[in-house]
Amino acid sequence: MTASSAEPNAPEPGPDPASGPPERPVATPQERRRLAEEKRTEKYVWWSLGYFFFGIHIVAFVMIYAVTHAR
């Protein structure tokens, strides 16, 4: 009997359930500082993007006003 003739619905061997989930590594102070700085930077980027889109809308409204009131 060959391996290709094995039962098609046989369950595949998986990881050992007794081993449990891997433990979470403890972050060093440098890693925590870097993650905090990354979070701050990401927040700054989102605020900047928000201000940019708000500004684009103001410019668009002014242009629409100018076009509709042109003689």
Protein backbone atom coordinates (compact mmCIF):
# COMPACT_ATOMS: atom_id res chain seq x y z
CA MET A 1 0.00 0.00 0.00
CA THR A 2 1.39 3.43 -0.95
CA ALA A 3 1.00 6.85 0.67
CA SER A 4 -1.19 8.06 -2.22
CA SER A 5 -3.75 5.34 -1.49
CA ALA A 6 -4.26 6.55 2.10
CA GLU A 7 -7.77 7.33 3.26
CA PRO A 8 -8.81 10.72 1.75
CA ASN A 9 -10.81 11.91 4.80
CA ALA A 10 -8.13 11.07 7.36
CA PRO A 11 -7.31 13.98 9.66
CA GLU A 12 -3.89 15.51 9.22
CA PRO A 13 -1.57 15.53 12.21
CA GLY A 14 -1.55 18.98 13.78
CA PRO A 15 0.40 20.71 16.50
CA ASP A 16 0.48 19.14 19.93
CA PRO A 17 -2.43 20.68 21.91
CA ALA A 18 -0.64 19.98 25.19
CA SER A 19 2.12 22.46 24.30
CA GLY A 20 -0.27 25.45 24.58
CA PRO A 21 0.17 28.89 23.03
CA PRO A 22 3.67 30.32 22.85
CA GLU A 23 4.50 32.75 25.64
CA ARG A 24 4.53 36.45 24.81
CA PRO A 25 8.03 37.91 24.94
CA VAL A 26 8.65 40.74 27.40
CA ALA A 27 9.33 44.07 25.67
CA THR A 28 12.52 45.82 26.59
CA PRO A 29 12.43 49.53 27.52
CA GLN A 30 13.93 50.43 24.14
CA GLU A 31 11.18 48.51 22.33
CA ARG A 32 8.49 50.14 24.46
CA ARG A 33 9.95 53.58 23.75
CA ARG A 34 10.09 52.85 20.02
CA LEU A 35 6.48 51.60 20.01
CA ALA A 36 5.31 54.70 21.90
CA GLU A 37 7.14 56.95 19.44
CA GLU A 38 5.66 55.02 16.50
CA LYS A 39 2.17 55.45 17.95
CA ARG A 40 2.76 59.20 18.40
CA THR A 41 4.07 59.50 14.85
CA GLU A 42 1.09 57.60 13.45
CA LYS A 43 -1.30 59.87 15.33
CA TYR A 44 0.53 62.92 13.94
CA VAL A 45 0.24 61.53 10.39
CA TRP A 46 -3.54 60.99 10.77
CA TRP A 47 -4.05 64.53 12.15
CA SER A 48 -2.01 65.97 9.28
CA LEU A 49 -4.02 63.98 6.75
CA GLY A 50 -7.26 65.20 8.33
CA TYR A 51 -6.15 68.84 8.17
CA PHE A 52 -5.06 68.36 4.57
CA PHE A 53 -8.45 66.99 3.51
CA PHE A 54 -10.27 69.71 5.44
CA GLY A 55 -8.16 72.32 3.63
CA ILE A 56 -8.88 70.73 0.26
CA HIS A 57 -12.61 71.04 0.95
CA ILE A 58 -12.30 74.70 1.93
CA VAL A 59 -10.42 75.41 -1.31
CA ALA A 60 -13.04 73.49 -3.30
CA PHE A 61 -15.92 75.43 -1.70
CA VAL A 62 -14.19 78.76 -2.41
CA MET A 63 -13.63 77.73 -6.04
CA ILE A 64 -17.26 76.63 -6.41
CA TYR A 65 -18.39 79.96 -4.93
CA ALA A 66 -16.10 81.87 -7.30
CA VAL A 67 -17.32 79.95 -10.36
CA THR A 68 -21.02 80.29 -9.50
CA HIS A 69 -20.70 84.05 -8.81
CA ALA A 70 -18.50 84.91 -11.80
CA ARG A 71 -19.95 87.28 -14.37
